[in-house]
Amino acid sequence: MTIKAVGVVIDRVIRVIRDHGKPIGHGVRVRWVWRGPQYRVGQIEDKYPVRAVAVFREHHPDVQDKVIELLLQGAQAAPNQ
């Protein structure tokens, strides 16, 4: 598993995502706090098969620790954004 970015969902409204006016999907607004370089966590063995999904709630404690570390690192780097 690789962590590519860490963000906080800032709006519960599910919006239509458009590309040149054409609907291409749905999503929520996210404030990206940390973006790469990619952090390799390694193989995770657990019961959650959603790791390929862009946004999901993380349950593995080792991954949670790293995400929180990256979140705090990103917040310190840009506290006024």
PDB file of N, CA and C in Angstrom:
ATOM      1  N   MET A   1       0.840  -1.176   0.000  1.00  0.00           N
ATOM      2  CA  MET A   1       0.000   0.000   0.000  1.00  0.00           C
ATOM      3  C   MET A   1       0.881   1.233   0.000  1.00  0.00           C
ATOM      4  N   THR A   2       0.446   2.243  -0.726  1.00  0.00           N
ATOM      5  CA  THR A   2       1.161   3.506  -0.807  1.00  0.00           C
ATOM      6  C   THR A   2       0.216   4.642  -0.466  1.00  0.00           C
ATOM      7  N   ILE A   3       0.659   5.562   0.377  1.00  0.00           N
ATOM      8  CA  ILE A   3      -0.116   6.764   0.680  1.00  0.00           C
ATOM      9  C   ILE A   3       0.367   7.836  -0.289  1.00  0.00           C
ATOM     10  N   LYS A   4      -0.563   8.389  -1.072  1.00  0.00           N
ATOM     11  CA  LYS A   4      -0.209   9.393  -2.066  1.00  0.00           C
ATOM     12  C   LYS A   4      -0.575  10.808  -1.607  1.00  0.00           C
ATOM     13  N   ALA A   5      -1.605  10.913  -0.756  1.00  0.00           N
ATOM     14  CA  ALA A   5      -2.048  12.213  -0.260  1.00  0.00           C
ATOM     15  C   ALA A   5      -2.905  11.995   0.977  1.00  0.00           C
ATOM     16  N   VAL A   6      -2.981  13.043   1.807  1.00  0.00           N
ATOM     17  CA  VAL A   6      -3.823  13.009   2.997  1.00  0.00           C
ATOM     18  C   VAL A   6      -4.658  14.282   2.980  1.00  0.00           C
ATOM     19  N   GLY A   7      -5.967  14.124   3.157  1.00  0.00           N
ATOM     20  CA  GLY A   7      -6.856  15.274   3.151  1.00  0.00           C
ATOM     21  C   GLY A   7      -7.992  15.100   4.125  1.00  0.00           C
ATOM     22  N   VAL A   8      -8.733  16.193   4.306  1.00  0.00           N
ATOM     23  CA  VAL A   8      -9.882  16.204   5.205  1.00  0.00           C
ATOM     24  C   VAL A   8     -11.112  16.578   4.379  1.00  0.00           C
ATOM     25  N   VAL A   9     -12.152  15.743   4.457  1.00  0.00           N
ATOM     26  CA  VAL A   9     -13.406  16.051   3.769  1.00  0.00           C
ATOM     27  C   VAL A   9     -14.015  17.265   4.443  1.00  0.00           C
ATOM     28  N   ILE A  10     -14.326  18.306   3.657  1.00  0.00           N
ATOM     29  CA  ILE A  10     -14.804  19.561   4.241  1.00  0.00           C
ATOM     30  C   ILE A  10     -16.265  19.853   3.929  1.00  0.00           C
ATOM     31  N   ASP A  11     -16.925  18.970   3.209  1.00  0.00           N
ATOM     32  CA  ASP A  11     -18.315  19.205   2.835  1.00  0.00           C
ATOM     33  C   ASP A  11     -18.992  17.861   2.622  1.00  0.00           C
ATOM     34  N   ARG A  12     -20.166  17.687   3.171  1.00  0.00           N
ATOM     35  CA  ARG A  12     -20.890  16.411   3.035  1.00  0.00           C
ATOM     36  C   ARG A  12     -21.679  16.307   1.739  1.00  0.00           C
ATOM     37  N   VAL A  13     -21.764  17.392   1.009  1.00  0.00           N
ATOM     38  CA  VAL A  13     -22.550  17.398  -0.223  1.00  0.00           C
ATOM     39  C   VAL A  13     -21.804  16.629  -1.311  1.00  0.00           C
ATOM     40  N   ILE A  14     -22.478  15.663  -1.903  1.00  0.00           N
ATOM     41  CA  ILE A  14     -21.899  14.921  -3.020  1.00  0.00           C
ATOM     42  C   ILE A  14     -22.202  15.695  -4.296  1.00  0.00           C
ATOM     43  N   ARG A  15     -21.150  16.055  -5.001  1.00  0.00           N
ATOM     44  CA  ARG A  15     -21.279  16.904  -6.183  1.00  0.00           C
ATOM     45  C   ARG A  15     -20.969  16.120  -7.462  1.00  0.00           C
ATOM     46  N   VAL A  16     -21.501  16.608  -8.564  1.00  0.00           N
ATOM     47  CA  VAL A  16     -21.176  16.049  -9.875  1.00  0.00           C
ATOM     48  C   VAL A  16     -19.858  16.678 -10.315  1.00  0.00           C
ATOM     49  N   ILE A  17     -18.926  15.857 -10.717  1.00  0.00           N
ATOM     50  CA  ILE A  17     -17.649  16.330 -11.235  1.00  0.00           C
ATOM     51  C   ILE A  17     -17.763  16.387 -12.747  1.00  0.00           C
ATOM     52  N   ARG A  18     -17.374  17.515 -13.322  1.00  0.00           N
ATOM     53  CA  ARG A  18     -17.514  17.703 -14.762  1.00  0.00           C
ATOM     54  C   ARG A  18     -16.158  17.986 -15.398  1.00  0.00           C
ATOM     55  N   ASP A  19     -16.016  17.546 -16.619  1.00  0.00           N
ATOM     56  CA  ASP A  19     -14.841  17.832 -17.429  1.00  0.00           C
ATOM     57  C   ASP A  19     -15.339  18.450 -18.722  1.00  0.00           C
ATOM     58  N   HIS A  20     -15.081  19.741 -18.897  1.00  0.00           N
ATOM     59  CA  HIS A  20     -15.579  20.481 -20.068  1.00  0.00           C
ATOM     60  C   HIS A  20     -17.090  20.362 -20.188  1.00  0.00           C
ATOM     61  N   GLY A  21     -17.780  20.440 -19.051  1.00  0.00           N
ATOM     62  CA  GLY A  21     -19.230  20.386 -19.029  1.00  0.00           C
ATOM     63  C   GLY A  21     -19.833  18.997 -19.020  1.00  0.00           C
ATOM     64  N   LYS A  22     -19.028  17.980 -19.277  1.00  0.00           N
ATOM     65  CA  LYS A  22     -19.536  16.609 -19.323  1.00  0.00           C
ATOM     66  C   LYS A  22     -19.377  15.953 -17.952  1.00  0.00           C
ATOM     67  N   PRO A  23     -20.468  15.402 -17.374  1.00  0.00           N
ATOM     68  CA  PRO A  23     -20.361  14.723 -16.076  1.00  0.00           C
ATOM     69  C   PRO A  23     -19.443  13.501 -16.181  1.00  0.00           C
ATOM     70  N   ILE A  24     -18.451  13.423 -15.278  1.00  0.00           N
ATOM     71  CA  ILE A  24     -17.522  12.285 -15.308  1.00  0.00           C
ATOM     72  C   ILE A  24     -17.502  11.505 -13.993  1.00  0.00           C
ATOM     73  N   GLY A  25     -18.247  11.965 -12.996  1.00  0.00           N
ATOM     74  CA  GLY A  25     -18.267  11.237 -11.732  1.00  0.00           C
ATOM     75  C   GLY A  25     -18.881  12.070 -10.626  1.00  0.00           C
ATOM     76  N   HIS A  26     -18.718  11.586  -9.407  1.00  0.00           N
ATOM     77  CA  HIS A  26     -19.237  12.258  -8.227  1.00  0.00           C
ATOM     78  C   HIS A  26     -18.150  12.329  -7.167  1.00  0.00           C
ATOM     79  N   GLY A  27     -18.237  13.323  -6.272  1.00  0.00           N
ATOM     80  CA  GLY A  27     -17.243  13.427  -5.216  1.00  0.00           C
ATOM     81  C   GLY A  27     -17.627  14.465  -4.181  1.00  0.00           C
ATOM     82  N   VAL A  28     -16.807  14.570  -3.174  1.00  0.00           N
ATOM     83  CA  VAL A  28     -16.984  15.550  -2.104  1.00  0.00           C
ATOM     84  C   VAL A  28     -15.778  16.485  -2.100  1.00  0.00           C
ATOM     85  N   ARG A  29     -15.930  17.663  -1.491  1.00  0.00           N
ATOM     86  CA  ARG A  29     -14.820  18.609  -1.406  1.00  0.00           C
ATOM     87  C   ARG A  29     -13.840  18.140  -0.336  1.00  0.00           C
ATOM     88  N   VAL A  30     -12.563  18.230  -0.664  1.00  0.00           N
ATOM     89  CA  VAL A  30     -11.502  17.789   0.232  1.00  0.00           C
ATOM     90  C   VAL A  30     -10.458  18.889   0.339  1.00  0.00           C
ATOM     91  N   ARG A  31      -9.993  19.148   1.555  1.00  0.00           N
ATOM     92  CA  ARG A  31      -8.834  20.039   1.756  1.00  0.00           C
ATOM     93  C   ARG A  31      -7.620  19.134   1.855  1.00  0.00           C
ATOM     94  N   TRP A  32      -6.776  19.149   0.817  1.00  0.00           N
ATOM     95  CA  TRP A  32      -5.591  18.306   0.795  1.00  0.00           C
ATOM     96  C   TRP A  32      -4.533  18.956   1.673  1.00  0.00           C
ATOM     97  N   VAL A  33      -4.090  18.210   2.667  1.00  0.00           N
ATOM     98  CA  VAL A  33      -3.142  18.729   3.646  1.00  0.00           C
ATOM     99  C   VAL A  33      -1.714  18.281   3.331  1.00  0.00           C
ATOM    100  N   TRP A  34      -1.578  17.080   2.829  1.00  0.00           N
ATOM    101  CA  TRP A  34      -0.253  16.537   2.502  1.00  0.00           C
ATOM    102  C   TRP A  34      -0.336  15.831   1.168  1.00  0.00           C
ATOM    103  N   ARG A  35       0.617  16.128   0.281  1.00  0.00           N
ATOM    104  CA  ARG A  35       0.714  15.446  -1.013  1.00  0.00           C
ATOM    105  C   ARG A  35       2.162  15.048  -1.239  1.00  0.00           C
ATOM    106  N   GLY A  36       2.390  13.751  -1.383  1.00  0.00           N
ATOM    107  CA  GLY A  36       3.670  13.132  -1.684  1.00  0.00           C
ATOM    108  C   GLY A  36       4.914  13.877  -1.234  1.00  0.00           C
ATOM    109  N   PRO A  37       6.053  13.309  -1.381  1.00  0.00           N
ATOM    110  CA  PRO A  37       6.262  12.130  -2.206  1.00  0.00           C
ATOM    111  C   PRO A  37       5.533  10.916  -1.622  1.00  0.00           C
ATOM    112  N   GLN A  38       5.218   9.976  -2.482  1.00  0.00           N
ATOM    113  CA  GLN A  38       4.472   8.802  -2.044  1.00  0.00           C
ATOM    114  C   GLN A  38       5.189   8.112  -0.885  1.00  0.00           C
ATOM    115  N   TYR A  39       4.391   7.662   0.087  1.00  0.00           N
ATOM    116  CA  TYR A  39       4.934   6.953   1.240  1.00  0.00           C
ATOM    117  C   TYR A  39       4.502   5.493   1.162  1.00  0.00           C
ATOM    118  N   ARG A  40       5.446   4.591   1.039  1.00  0.00           N
ATOM    119  CA  ARG A  40       5.154   3.153   0.940  1.00  0.00           C
ATOM    120  C   ARG A  40       4.957   2.576   2.329  1.00  0.00           C
ATOM    121  N   VAL A  41       3.738   2.113   2.612  1.00  0.00           N
ATOM    122  CA  VAL A  41       3.409   1.500   3.902  1.00  0.00           C
ATOM    123  C   VAL A  41       3.781   0.022   3.889  1.00  0.00           C
ATOM    124  N   GLY A  42       3.615  -0.616   2.742  1.00  0.00           N
ATOM    125  CA  GLY A  42       3.872  -2.048   2.626  1.00  0.00           C
ATOM    126  C   GLY A  42       2.579  -2.825   2.507  1.00  0.00           C
ATOM    127  N   GLN A  43       2.687  -4.132   2.532  1.00  0.00           N
ATOM    128  CA  GLN A  43       1.518  -5.012   2.415  1.00  0.00           C
ATOM    129  C   GLN A  43       0.699  -4.953   3.698  1.00  0.00           C
ATOM    130  N   ILE A  44      -0.597  -4.708   3.556  1.00  0.00           N
ATOM    131  CA  ILE A  44      -1.509  -4.659   4.700  1.00  0.00           C
ATOM    132  C   ILE A  44      -2.442  -5.863   4.604  1.00  0.00           C
ATOM    133  N   GLU A  45      -2.458  -6.671   5.631  1.00  0.00           N
ATOM    134  CA  GLU A  45      -3.337  -7.846   5.678  1.00  0.00           C
ATOM    135  C   GLU A  45      -4.459  -7.578   6.673  1.00  0.00           C
ATOM    136  N   ASP A  46      -5.635  -7.270   6.149  1.00  0.00           N
ATOM    137  CA  ASP A  46      -6.800  -7.112   7.009  1.00  0.00           C
ATOM    138  C   ASP A  46      -8.052  -7.384   6.195  1.00  0.00           C
ATOM    139  N   LYS A  47      -9.201  -7.100   6.757  1.00  0.00           N
ATOM    140  CA  LYS A  47     -10.467  -7.474   6.117  1.00  0.00           C
ATOM    141  C   LYS A  47     -11.080  -6.366   5.257  1.00  0.00           C
ATOM    142  N   TYR A  48     -10.361  -5.266   5.024  1.00  0.00           N
ATOM    143  CA  TYR A  48     -10.927  -4.133   4.297  1.00  0.00           C
ATOM    144  C   TYR A  48     -10.404  -4.103   2.866  1.00  0.00           C
ATOM    145  N   PRO A  49     -11.220  -4.497   1.897  1.00  0.00           N
ATOM    146  CA  PRO A  49     -10.771  -4.589   0.510  1.00  0.00           C
ATOM    147  C   PRO A  49     -10.919  -3.280  -0.279  1.00  0.00           C
ATOM    148  N   VAL A  50     -11.013  -2.147   0.406  1.00  0.00           N
ATOM    149  CA  VAL A  50     -11.284  -0.881  -0.279  1.00  0.00           C
ATOM    150  C   VAL A  50     -10.043  -0.008  -0.433  1.00  0.00           C
ATOM    151  N   ARG A  51      -8.887  -0.574  -0.305  1.00  0.00           N
ATOM    152  CA  ARG A  51      -7.665   0.229  -0.335  1.00  0.00           C
ATOM    153  C   ARG A  51      -7.402   0.893  -1.685  1.00  0.00           C
ATOM    154  N   ALA A  52      -8.033   0.412  -2.749  1.00  0.00           N
ATOM    155  CA  ALA A  52      -7.855   1.034  -4.060  1.00  0.00           C
ATOM    156  C   ALA A  52      -8.773   2.249  -4.238  1.00  0.00           C
ATOM    157  N   VAL A  53      -9.698   2.463  -3.313  1.00  0.00           N
ATOM    158  CA  VAL A  53     -10.625   3.581  -3.376  1.00  0.00           C
ATOM    159  C   VAL A  53      -9.877   4.852  -2.978  1.00  0.00           C
ATOM    160  N   ALA A  54     -10.174   5.950  -3.646  1.00  0.00           N
ATOM    161  CA  ALA A  54      -9.456   7.195  -3.394  1.00  0.00           C
ATOM    162  C   ALA A  54      -9.679   7.717  -1.971  1.00  0.00           C
ATOM    163  N   VAL A  55     -10.909   7.678  -1.499  1.00  0.00           N
ATOM    164  CA  VAL A  55     -11.222   8.209  -0.166  1.00  0.00           C
ATOM    165  C   VAL A  55     -11.982   7.150   0.616  1.00  0.00           C
ATOM    166  N   PHE A  56     -11.446   6.769   1.754  1.00  0.00           N
ATOM    167  CA  PHE A  56     -12.147   5.833   2.621  1.00  0.00           C
ATOM    168  C   PHE A  56     -11.641   5.992   4.041  1.00  0.00           C
ATOM    169  N   ARG A  57     -12.394   5.492   4.990  1.00  0.00           N
ATOM    170  CA  ARG A  57     -12.000   5.543   6.395  1.00  0.00           C
ATOM    171  C   ARG A  57     -10.992   4.436   6.653  1.00  0.00           C
ATOM    172  N   GLU A  58      -9.829   4.814   7.156  1.00  0.00           N
ATOM    173  CA  GLU A  58      -8.760   3.848   7.416  1.00  0.00           C
ATOM    174  C   GLU A  58      -8.974   3.188   8.760  1.00  0.00           C
ATOM    175  N   HIS A  59      -8.809   1.858   8.820  1.00  0.00           N
ATOM    176  CA  HIS A  59      -9.016   1.107  10.060  1.00  0.00           C
ATOM    177  C   HIS A  59      -7.741   0.490  10.627  1.00  0.00           C
ATOM    178  N   HIS A  60      -6.720   0.348   9.818  1.00  0.00           N
ATOM    179  CA  HIS A  60      -5.497  -0.308  10.288  1.00  0.00           C
ATOM    180  C   HIS A  60      -4.697   0.672  11.158  1.00  0.00           C
ATOM    181  N   PRO A  61      -4.368   0.300  12.407  1.00  0.00           N
ATOM    182  CA  PRO A  61      -3.709   1.239  13.322  1.00  0.00           C
ATOM    183  C   PRO A  61      -2.349   1.739  12.835  1.00  0.00           C
ATOM    184  N   ASP A  62      -1.573   0.917  12.158  1.00  0.00           N
ATOM    185  CA  ASP A  62      -0.275   1.378  11.658  1.00  0.00           C
ATOM    186  C   ASP A  62      -0.449   2.437  10.576  1.00  0.00           C
ATOM    187  N   VAL A  63      -1.429   2.226   9.714  1.00  0.00           N
ATOM    188  CA  VAL A  63      -1.693   3.199   8.652  1.00  0.00           C
ATOM    189  C   VAL A  63      -2.307   4.466   9.248  1.00  0.00           C
ATOM    190  N   GLN A  64      -3.198   4.322  10.229  1.00  0.00           N
ATOM    191  CA  GLN A  64      -3.773   5.484  10.908  1.00  0.00           C
ATOM    192  C   GLN A  64      -2.669   6.358  11.503  1.00  0.00           C
ATOM    193  N   ASP A  65      -1.697   5.725  12.170  1.00  0.00           N
ATOM    194  CA  ASP A  65      -0.590   6.477  12.769  1.00  0.00           C
ATOM    195  C   ASP A  65       0.167   7.278  11.719  1.00  0.00           C
ATOM    196  N   LYS A  66       0.461   6.662  10.573  1.00  0.00           N
ATOM    197  CA  LYS A  66       1.210   7.348   9.522  1.00  0.00           C
ATOM    198  C   LYS A  66       0.390   8.460   8.902  1.00  0.00           C
ATOM    199  N   VAL A  67      -0.898   8.239   8.686  1.00  0.00           N
ATOM    200  CA  VAL A  67      -1.759   9.275   8.117  1.00  0.00           C
ATOM    201  C   VAL A  67      -1.826  10.473   9.058  1.00  0.00           C
ATOM    202  N   ILE A  68      -1.960  10.231  10.353  1.00  0.00           N
ATOM    203  CA  ILE A  68      -1.995  11.331  11.323  1.00  0.00           C
ATOM    204  C   ILE A  68      -0.665  12.079  11.321  1.00  0.00           C
ATOM    205  N   GLU A  69       0.440  11.348  11.257  1.00  0.00           N
ATOM    206  CA  GLU A  69       1.758  11.982  11.192  1.00  0.00           C
ATOM    207  C   GLU A  69       1.860  12.889   9.957  1.00  0.00           C
ATOM    208  N   LEU A  70       1.438  12.391   8.797  1.00  0.00           N
ATOM    209  CA  LEU A  70       1.484  13.180   7.564  1.00  0.00           C
ATOM    210  C   LEU A  70       0.515  14.358   7.615  1.00  0.00           C
ATOM    211  N   LEU A  71      -0.649  14.157   8.232  1.00  0.00           N
ATOM    212  CA  LEU A  71      -1.628  15.226   8.387  1.00  0.00           C
ATOM    213  C   LEU A  71      -1.058  16.365   9.222  1.00  0.00           C
ATOM    214  N   LEU A  72      -0.445  16.028  10.336  1.00  0.00           N
ATOM    215  CA  LEU A  72       0.152  17.045  11.204  1.00  0.00           C
ATOM    216  C   LEU A  72       1.346  17.717  10.530  1.00  0.00           C
ATOM    217  N   GLN A  73       2.125  16.947   9.801  1.00  0.00           N
ATOM    218  CA  GLN A  73       3.272  17.485   9.065  1.00  0.00           C
ATOM    219  C   GLN A  73       2.788  18.504   8.029  1.00  0.00           C
ATOM    220  N   GLY A  74       1.725  18.162   7.326  1.00  0.00           N
ATOM    221  CA  GLY A  74       1.163  19.070   6.329  1.00  0.00           C
ATOM    222  C   GLY A  74       0.566  20.318   6.954  1.00  0.00           C
ATOM    223  N   ALA A  75      -0.067  20.169   8.105  1.00  0.00           N
ATOM    224  CA  ALA A  75      -0.667  21.311   8.795  1.00  0.00           C
ATOM    225  C   ALA A  75       0.405  22.266   9.298  1.00  0.00           C
ATOM    226  N   GLN A  76       1.536  21.741   9.746  1.00  0.00           N
ATOM    227  CA  GLN A  76       2.636  22.592  10.222  1.00  0.00           C
ATOM    228  C   GLN A  76       3.305  23.323   9.064  1.00  0.00           C
ATOM    229  N   ALA A  77       3.360  22.678   7.904  1.00  0.00           N
ATOM    230  CA  ALA A  77       4.023  23.275   6.753  1.00  0.00           C
ATOM    231  C   ALA A  77       3.231  24.456   6.186  1.00  0.00           C
ATOM    232  N   ALA A  78       1.901  24.423   6.308  1.00  0.00           N
ATOM    233  CA  ALA A  78       1.057  25.477   5.747  1.00  0.00           C
ATOM    234  C   ALA A  78      -0.069  25.815   6.713  1.00  0.00           C
ATOM    235  N   PRO A  79       0.225  26.407   7.896  1.00  0.00           N
ATOM    236  CA  PRO A  79      -0.820  26.629   8.896  1.00  0.00           C
ATOM    237  C   PRO A  79      -1.845  27.689   8.522  1.00  0.00           C
ATOM    238  N   ASN A  80      -1.560  28.574   7.570  1.00  0.00           N
ATOM    239  CA  ASN A  80      -2.490  29.671   7.262  1.00  0.00           C
ATOM    240  C   ASN A  80      -3.328  29.425   6.020  1.00  0.00           C
ATOM    241  N   GLN A  81      -3.332  28.217   5.495  1.00  0.00           N
ATOM    242  CA  GLN A  81      -4.128  27.955   4.294  1.00  0.00           C
ATOM    243  C   GLN A  81      -5.537  27.587   4.643  1.00  0.00           C
TER     244      GLN A  81
END
